[in-house]
């Protein structure tokens, strides 16, 4: 659980740094790296999506185990 929070925070920080770097490049050169921007945000979105899927499966597995371990009345 803690590991995923670190990854999410890291992705947010890296996205902010990347955005600032791209704005700086655009200011200096006057041209934006469209393909790089698309690839970067596709990569970070995919990483977060996969992390969410792992967490969802883990939570579903815990709920299933709790349901199986309940005594029947």
PDB file of N, CA and C in Angstrom:
ATOM      1  N   UNK A   1       0.836  -1.187   0.000  1.00  0.00           N
ATOM      2  CA  UNK A   1       0.000   0.000   0.000  1.00  0.00           C
ATOM      3  C   UNK A   1       0.880   1.250   0.000  1.00  0.00           C
ATOM      4  N   UNK A   2       1.888   1.270   0.838  1.00  0.00           N
ATOM      5  CA  UNK A   2       2.761   2.433   0.924  1.00  0.00           C
ATOM      6  C   UNK A   2       3.572   2.606  -0.359  1.00  0.00           C
ATOM      7  N   UNK A   3       3.989   1.495  -0.939  1.00  0.00           N
ATOM      8  CA  UNK A   3       4.765   1.526  -2.172  1.00  0.00           C
ATOM      9  C   UNK A   3       3.987   2.206  -3.294  1.00  0.00           C
ATOM     10  N   UNK A   4       2.702   1.899  -3.416  1.00  0.00           N
ATOM     11  CA  UNK A   4       1.901   2.498  -4.484  1.00  0.00           C
ATOM     12  C   UNK A   4       1.734   4.003  -4.277  1.00  0.00           C
ATOM     13  N   UNK A   5       1.641   4.442  -3.034  1.00  0.00           N
ATOM     14  CA  UNK A   5       1.524   5.874  -2.773  1.00  0.00           C
ATOM     15  C   UNK A   5       2.798   6.607  -3.176  1.00  0.00           C
ATOM     16  N   UNK A   6       3.941   5.984  -2.958  1.00  0.00           N
ATOM     17  CA  UNK A   6       5.216   6.579  -3.361  1.00  0.00           C
ATOM     18  C   UNK A   6       5.288   6.678  -4.882  1.00  0.00           C
ATOM     19  N   UNK A   7       4.857   5.644  -5.574  1.00  0.00           N
ATOM     20  CA  UNK A   7       4.877   5.644  -7.039  1.00  0.00           C
ATOM     21  C   UNK A   7       3.963   6.736  -7.585  1.00  0.00           C
ATOM     22  N   UNK A   8       2.767   6.870  -7.034  1.00  0.00           N
ATOM     23  CA  UNK A   8       1.833   7.898  -7.504  1.00  0.00           C
ATOM     24  C   UNK A   8       2.409   9.293  -7.266  1.00  0.00           C
ATOM     25  N   UNK A   9       2.970   9.524  -6.096  1.00  0.00           N
ATOM     26  CA  UNK A   9       3.574  10.828  -5.802  1.00  0.00           C
ATOM     27  C   UNK A   9       4.746  11.100  -6.746  1.00  0.00           C
ATOM     28  N   UNK A  10       5.556  10.093  -7.002  1.00  0.00           N
ATOM     29  CA  UNK A  10       6.689  10.246  -7.910  1.00  0.00           C
ATOM     30  C   UNK A  10       6.234  10.587  -9.325  1.00  0.00           C
ATOM     31  N   UNK A  11       5.195   9.933  -9.795  1.00  0.00           N
ATOM     32  CA  UNK A  11       4.673  10.208 -11.139  1.00  0.00           C
ATOM     33  C   UNK A  11       4.146  11.638 -11.227  1.00  0.00           C
ATOM     34  N   UNK A  12       3.464  12.107 -10.191  1.00  0.00           N
ATOM     35  CA  UNK A  12       2.951  13.479 -10.195  1.00  0.00           C
ATOM     36  C   UNK A  12       4.104  14.483 -10.225  1.00  0.00           C
ATOM     37  N   UNK A  13       5.116  14.241  -9.411  1.00  0.00           N
ATOM     38  CA  UNK A  13       6.281  15.139  -9.382  1.00  0.00           C
ATOM     39  C   UNK A  13       7.005  15.130 -10.731  1.00  0.00           C
ATOM     40  N   UNK A  14       7.209  13.943 -11.288  1.00  0.00           N
ATOM     41  CA  UNK A  14       7.892  13.845 -12.587  1.00  0.00           C
ATOM     42  C   UNK A  14       7.080  14.509 -13.701  1.00  0.00           C
ATOM     43  N   UNK A  15       5.758  14.382 -13.664  1.00  0.00           N
ATOM     44  CA  UNK A  15       4.924  15.047 -14.667  1.00  0.00           C
ATOM     45  C   UNK A  15       5.038  16.565 -14.546  1.00  0.00           C
ATOM     46  N   UNK A  16       5.064  17.077 -13.325  1.00  0.00           N
ATOM     47  CA  UNK A  16       5.211  18.523 -13.129  1.00  0.00           C
ATOM     48  C   UNK A  16       6.577  18.998 -13.635  1.00  0.00           C
ATOM     49  N   UNK A  17       7.633  18.261 -13.320  1.00  0.00           N
ATOM     50  CA  UNK A  17       8.974  18.619 -13.797  1.00  0.00           C
ATOM     51  C   UNK A  17       9.060  18.547 -15.322  1.00  0.00           C
ATOM     52  N   UNK A  18       8.465  17.520 -15.883  1.00  0.00           N
ATOM     53  CA  UNK A  18       8.462  17.371 -17.341  1.00  0.00           C
ATOM     54  C   UNK A  18       7.731  18.546 -17.997  1.00  0.00           C
ATOM     55  N   UNK A  19       6.602  18.930 -17.421  1.00  0.00           N
ATOM     56  CA  UNK A  19       5.838  20.045 -17.972  1.00  0.00           C
ATOM     57  C   UNK A  19       6.637  21.338 -17.915  1.00  0.00           C
ATOM     58  N   UNK A  20       7.312  21.577 -16.796  1.00  0.00           N
ATOM     59  CA  UNK A  20       8.146  22.778 -16.694  1.00  0.00           C
ATOM     60  C   UNK A  20       9.283  22.755 -17.705  1.00  0.00           C
ATOM     61  N   UNK A  21       9.893  21.590 -17.902  1.00  0.00           N
ATOM     62  CA  UNK A  21      10.988  21.471 -18.871  1.00  0.00           C
ATOM     63  C   UNK A  21      10.492  21.727 -20.295  1.00  0.00           C
ATOM     64  N   UNK A  22       9.321  21.203 -20.624  1.00  0.00           N
ATOM     65  CA  UNK A  22       8.769  21.408 -21.965  1.00  0.00           C
ATOM     66  C   UNK A  22       8.426  22.879 -22.176  1.00  0.00           C
ATOM     67  N   UNK A  23       7.875  23.528 -21.162  1.00  0.00           N
ATOM     68  CA  UNK A  23       7.568  24.955 -21.285  1.00  0.00           C
ATOM     69  C   UNK A  23       8.845  25.768 -21.463  1.00  0.00           C
ATOM     70  N   UNK A  24       9.899  25.393 -20.774  1.00  0.00           N
ATOM     71  CA  UNK A  24      11.184  26.079 -20.922  1.00  0.00           C
ATOM     72  C   UNK A  24      11.744  25.891 -22.337  1.00  0.00           C
ATOM     73  N   UNK A  25      11.675  24.675 -22.826  1.00  0.00           N
ATOM     74  CA  UNK A  25      12.145  24.395 -24.188  1.00  0.00           C
ATOM     75  C   UNK A  25      11.326  25.192 -25.194  1.00  0.00           C
ATOM     76  N   UNK A  26      10.029  25.240 -24.989  1.00  0.00           N
ATOM     77  CA  UNK A  26       9.172  25.994 -25.902  1.00  0.00           C
ATOM     78  C   UNK A  26       9.519  27.481 -25.869  1.00  0.00           C
ATOM     79  N   UNK A  27       9.819  27.994 -24.688  1.00  0.00           N
ATOM     80  CA  UNK A  27      10.198  29.397 -24.555  1.00  0.00           C
ATOM     81  C   UNK A  27      11.517  29.680 -25.287  1.00  0.00           C
ATOM     82  N   UNK A  28      12.485  28.779 -25.140  1.00  0.00           N
ATOM     83  CA  UNK A  28      13.807  28.994 -25.743  1.00  0.00           C
ATOM     84  C   UNK A  28      13.814  28.757 -27.257  1.00  0.00           C
ATOM     85  N   UNK A  29      13.176  27.703 -27.711  1.00  0.00           N
ATOM     86  CA  UNK A  29      13.264  27.300 -29.110  1.00  0.00           C
ATOM     87  C   UNK A  29      12.050  27.769 -29.920  1.00  0.00           C
ATOM     88  N   UNK A  30      10.897  27.782 -29.303  1.00  0.00           N
ATOM     89  CA  UNK A  30       9.676  28.156 -30.011  1.00  0.00           C
ATOM     90  C   UNK A  30       9.004  26.989 -30.704  1.00  0.00           C
ATOM     91  N   UNK A  31       9.420  25.774 -30.371  1.00  0.00           N
ATOM     92  CA  UNK A  31       8.848  24.579 -30.967  1.00  0.00           C
ATOM     93  C   UNK A  31       8.590  23.567 -29.862  1.00  0.00           C
ATOM     94  N   UNK A  32       7.420  22.960 -29.889  1.00  0.00           N
ATOM     95  CA  UNK A  32       7.111  21.989 -28.842  1.00  0.00           C
ATOM     96  C   UNK A  32       7.346  20.563 -29.345  1.00  0.00           C
ATOM     97  N   UNK A  33       7.893  19.708 -28.492  1.00  0.00           N
ATOM     98  CA  UNK A  33       8.136  18.310 -28.878  1.00  0.00           C
ATOM     99  C   UNK A  33       6.856  17.472 -28.708  1.00  0.00           C
ATOM    100  N   UNK A  34       5.968  17.560 -29.679  1.00  0.00           N
ATOM    101  CA  UNK A  34       4.642  16.939 -29.584  1.00  0.00           C
ATOM    102  C   UNK A  34       4.723  15.428 -29.366  1.00  0.00           C
ATOM    103  N   UNK A  35       5.567  14.749 -30.121  1.00  0.00           N
ATOM    104  CA  UNK A  35       5.669  13.293 -29.992  1.00  0.00           C
ATOM    105  C   UNK A  35       6.199  12.905 -28.609  1.00  0.00           C
ATOM    106  N   UNK A  36       7.168  13.645 -28.110  1.00  0.00           N
ATOM    107  CA  UNK A  36       7.711  13.360 -26.786  1.00  0.00           C
ATOM    108  C   UNK A  36       6.663  13.581 -25.704  1.00  0.00           C
ATOM    109  N   UNK A  37       5.892  14.643 -25.827  1.00  0.00           N
ATOM    110  CA  UNK A  37       4.840  14.924 -24.845  1.00  0.00           C
ATOM    111  C   UNK A  37       3.811  13.801 -24.843  1.00  0.00           C
ATOM    112  N   UNK A  38       3.377  13.386 -26.024  1.00  0.00           N
ATOM    113  CA  UNK A  38       2.396  12.295 -26.123  1.00  0.00           C
ATOM    114  C   UNK A  38       2.937  11.001 -25.523  1.00  0.00           C
ATOM    115  N   UNK A  39       4.177  10.679 -25.859  1.00  0.00           N
ATOM    116  CA  UNK A  39       4.772   9.439 -25.349  1.00  0.00           C
ATOM    117  C   UNK A  39       4.924   9.482 -23.831  1.00  0.00           C
ATOM    118  N   UNK A  40       5.363  10.616 -23.298  1.00  0.00           N
ATOM    119  CA  UNK A  40       5.575  10.727 -21.859  1.00  0.00           C
ATOM    120  C   UNK A  40       4.273  10.530 -21.085  1.00  0.00           C
ATOM    121  N   UNK A  41       3.229  11.261 -21.488  1.00  0.00           N
ATOM    122  CA  UNK A  41       1.979  11.168 -20.751  1.00  0.00           C
ATOM    123  C   UNK A  41       1.276   9.838 -20.987  1.00  0.00           C
ATOM    124  N   UNK A  42       1.471   9.217 -22.141  1.00  0.00           N
ATOM    125  CA  UNK A  42       0.942   7.867 -22.364  1.00  0.00           C
ATOM    126  C   UNK A  42       1.635   6.876 -21.434  1.00  0.00           C
ATOM    127  N   UNK A  43       2.948   7.016 -21.292  1.00  0.00           N
ATOM    128  CA  UNK A  43       3.712   6.132 -20.405  1.00  0.00           C
ATOM    129  C   UNK A  43       3.269   6.284 -18.949  1.00  0.00           C
ATOM    130  N   UNK A  44       3.206   7.525 -18.460  1.00  0.00           N
ATOM    131  CA  UNK A  44       2.859   7.718 -17.047  1.00  0.00           C
ATOM    132  C   UNK A  44       1.412   7.318 -16.769  1.00  0.00           C
ATOM    133  N   UNK A  45       0.517   7.585 -17.710  1.00  0.00           N
ATOM    134  CA  UNK A  45      -0.875   7.164 -17.540  1.00  0.00           C
ATOM    135  C   UNK A  45      -0.971   5.640 -17.510  1.00  0.00           C
ATOM    136  N   UNK A  46      -0.236   4.984 -18.388  1.00  0.00           N
ATOM    137  CA  UNK A  46      -0.235   3.519 -18.402  1.00  0.00           C
ATOM    138  C   UNK A  46       0.306   2.932 -17.110  1.00  0.00           C
ATOM    139  N   UNK A  47       1.355   3.537 -16.579  1.00  0.00           N
ATOM    140  CA  UNK A  47       1.923   3.049 -15.317  1.00  0.00           C
ATOM    141  C   UNK A  47       0.905   3.173 -14.176  1.00  0.00           C
ATOM    142  N   UNK A  48       0.242   4.307 -14.108  1.00  0.00           N
ATOM    143  CA  UNK A  48      -0.761   4.501 -13.056  1.00  0.00           C
ATOM    144  C   UNK A  48      -1.950   3.566 -13.248  1.00  0.00           C
ATOM    145  N   UNK A  49      -2.331   3.319 -14.497  1.00  0.00           N
ATOM    146  CA  UNK A  49      -3.447   2.417 -14.788  1.00  0.00           C
ATOM    147  C   UNK A  49      -3.102   0.985 -14.348  1.00  0.00           C
ATOM    148  N   UNK A  50      -1.882   0.554 -14.636  1.00  0.00           N
ATOM    149  CA  UNK A  50      -1.454  -0.783 -14.218  1.00  0.00           C
ATOM    150  C   UNK A  50      -1.383  -0.899 -12.696  1.00  0.00           C
ATOM    151  N   UNK A  51      -0.886   0.129 -12.044  1.00  0.00           N
ATOM    152  CA  UNK A  51      -0.823   0.130 -10.588  1.00  0.00           C
ATOM    153  C   UNK A  51      -2.217   0.045  -9.981  1.00  0.00           C
ATOM    154  N   UNK A  52      -3.167   0.762 -10.581  1.00  0.00           N
ATOM    155  CA  UNK A  52      -4.552   0.715 -10.105  1.00  0.00           C
ATOM    156  C   UNK A  52      -5.134  -0.684 -10.294  1.00  0.00           C
ATOM    157  N   UNK A  53      -4.801  -1.328 -11.410  1.00  0.00           N
ATOM    158  CA  UNK A  53      -5.283  -2.687 -11.652  1.00  0.00           C
ATOM    159  C   UNK A  53      -4.730  -3.682 -10.647  1.00  0.00           C
ATOM    160  N   UNK A  54      -3.459  -3.544 -10.305  1.00  0.00           N
ATOM    161  CA  UNK A  54      -2.849  -4.427  -9.307  1.00  0.00           C
ATOM    162  C   UNK A  54      -3.521  -4.230  -7.961  1.00  0.00           C
ATOM    163  N   UNK A  55      -3.737  -2.975  -7.592  1.00  0.00           N
ATOM    164  CA  UNK A  55      -4.372  -2.683  -6.302  1.00  0.00           C
ATOM    165  C   UNK A  55      -5.806  -3.209  -6.265  1.00  0.00           C
ATOM    166  N   UNK A  56      -6.530  -3.061  -7.377  1.00  0.00           N
ATOM    167  CA  UNK A  56      -7.914  -3.547  -7.439  1.00  0.00           C
ATOM    168  C   UNK A  56      -7.963  -5.060  -7.260  1.00  0.00           C
ATOM    169  N   UNK A  57      -7.058  -5.775  -7.934  1.00  0.00           N
ATOM    170  CA  UNK A  57      -7.027  -7.231  -7.801  1.00  0.00           C
ATOM    171  C   UNK A  57      -6.689  -7.646  -6.369  1.00  0.00           C
ATOM    172  N   UNK A  58      -5.781  -6.912  -5.737  1.00  0.00           N
ATOM    173  CA  UNK A  58      -5.406  -7.223  -4.362  1.00  0.00           C
ATOM    174  C   UNK A  58      -6.590  -7.022  -3.422  1.00  0.00           C
ATOM    175  N   UNK A  59      -7.312  -5.927  -3.585  1.00  0.00           N
ATOM    176  CA  UNK A  59      -8.469  -5.646  -2.735  1.00  0.00           C
ATOM    177  C   UNK A  59      -9.566  -6.680  -2.968  1.00  0.00           C
ATOM    178  N   UNK A  60      -9.811  -7.028  -4.234  1.00  0.00           N
ATOM    179  CA  UNK A  60     -10.817  -8.046  -4.536  1.00  0.00           C
ATOM    180  C   UNK A  60     -10.424  -9.388  -3.933  1.00  0.00           C
ATOM    181  N   UNK A  61      -9.146  -9.725  -3.976  1.00  0.00           N
ATOM    182  CA  UNK A  61      -8.672 -10.981  -3.388  1.00  0.00           C
ATOM    183  C   UNK A  61      -8.860 -11.001  -1.879  1.00  0.00           C
ATOM    184  N   UNK A  62      -8.588  -9.873  -1.215  1.00  0.00           N
ATOM    185  CA  UNK A  62      -8.787  -9.794   0.234  1.00  0.00           C
ATOM    186  C   UNK A  62     -10.256  -9.915   0.582  1.00  0.00           C
ATOM    187  N   UNK A  63     -11.124  -9.265  -0.189  1.00  0.00           N
ATOM    188  CA  UNK A  63     -12.556  -9.359   0.069  1.00  0.00           C
ATOM    189  C   UNK A  63     -13.057 -10.773  -0.136  1.00  0.00           C
ATOM    190  N   UNK A  64     -12.536 -11.460  -1.149  1.00  0.00           N
ATOM    191  CA  UNK A  64     -12.931 -12.835  -1.409  1.00  0.00           C
ATOM    192  C   UNK A  64     -12.492 -13.748  -0.263  1.00  0.00           C
ATOM    193  N   UNK A  65     -11.292 -13.554   0.227  1.00  0.00           N
ATOM    194  CA  UNK A  65     -10.788 -14.354   1.345  1.00  0.00           C
ATOM    195  C   UNK A  65     -11.620 -14.112   2.606  1.00  0.00           C
ATOM    196  N   UNK A  66     -11.955 -12.865   2.873  1.00  0.00           N
ATOM    197  CA  UNK A  66     -12.788 -12.549   4.050  1.00  0.00           C
ATOM    198  C   UNK A  66     -14.147 -13.190   3.932  1.00  0.00           C
ATOM    199  N   UNK A  67     -14.721 -13.228   2.727  1.00  0.00           N
ATOM    200  CA  UNK A  67     -16.027 -13.828   2.513  1.00  0.00           C
ATOM    201  C   UNK A  67     -15.963 -15.335   2.716  1.00  0.00           C
ATOM    202  N   UNK A  68     -14.875 -15.965   2.242  1.00  0.00           N
ATOM    203  CA  UNK A  68     -14.736 -17.420   2.382  1.00  0.00           C
ATOM    204  C   UNK A  68     -14.508 -17.831   3.817  1.00  0.00           C
ATOM    205  N   UNK A  69     -13.875 -16.973   4.628  1.00  0.00           N
ATOM    206  CA  UNK A  69     -13.538 -17.330   5.997  1.00  0.00           C
ATOM    207  C   UNK A  69     -14.644 -17.042   7.005  1.00  0.00           C
ATOM    208  N   UNK A  70     -15.750 -16.425   6.563  1.00  0.00           N
ATOM    209  CA  UNK A  70     -16.855 -16.159   7.467  1.00  0.00           C
ATOM    210  C   UNK A  70     -17.574 -17.462   7.763  1.00  0.00           C
ATOM    211  N   UNK A  71     -17.911 -17.681   9.029  1.00  0.00           N
ATOM    212  CA  UNK A  71     -18.676 -18.898   9.337  1.00  0.00           C
ATOM    213  C   UNK A  71     -20.113 -18.779   8.839  1.00  0.00           C
ATOM    214  N   UNK A  72     -20.629 -19.865   8.330  1.00  0.00           N
ATOM    215  CA  UNK A  72     -22.024 -19.854   7.881  1.00  0.00           C
ATOM    216  C   UNK A  72     -22.953 -20.093   9.054  1.00  0.00           C
ATOM    217  N   UNK A  73     -24.104 -19.473   8.988  1.00  0.00           N
ATOM    218  CA  UNK A  73     -25.060 -19.578  10.110  1.00  0.00           C
ATOM    219  C   UNK A  73     -26.136 -20.561   9.786  1.00  0.00           C
TER     220      UNK A  73
END
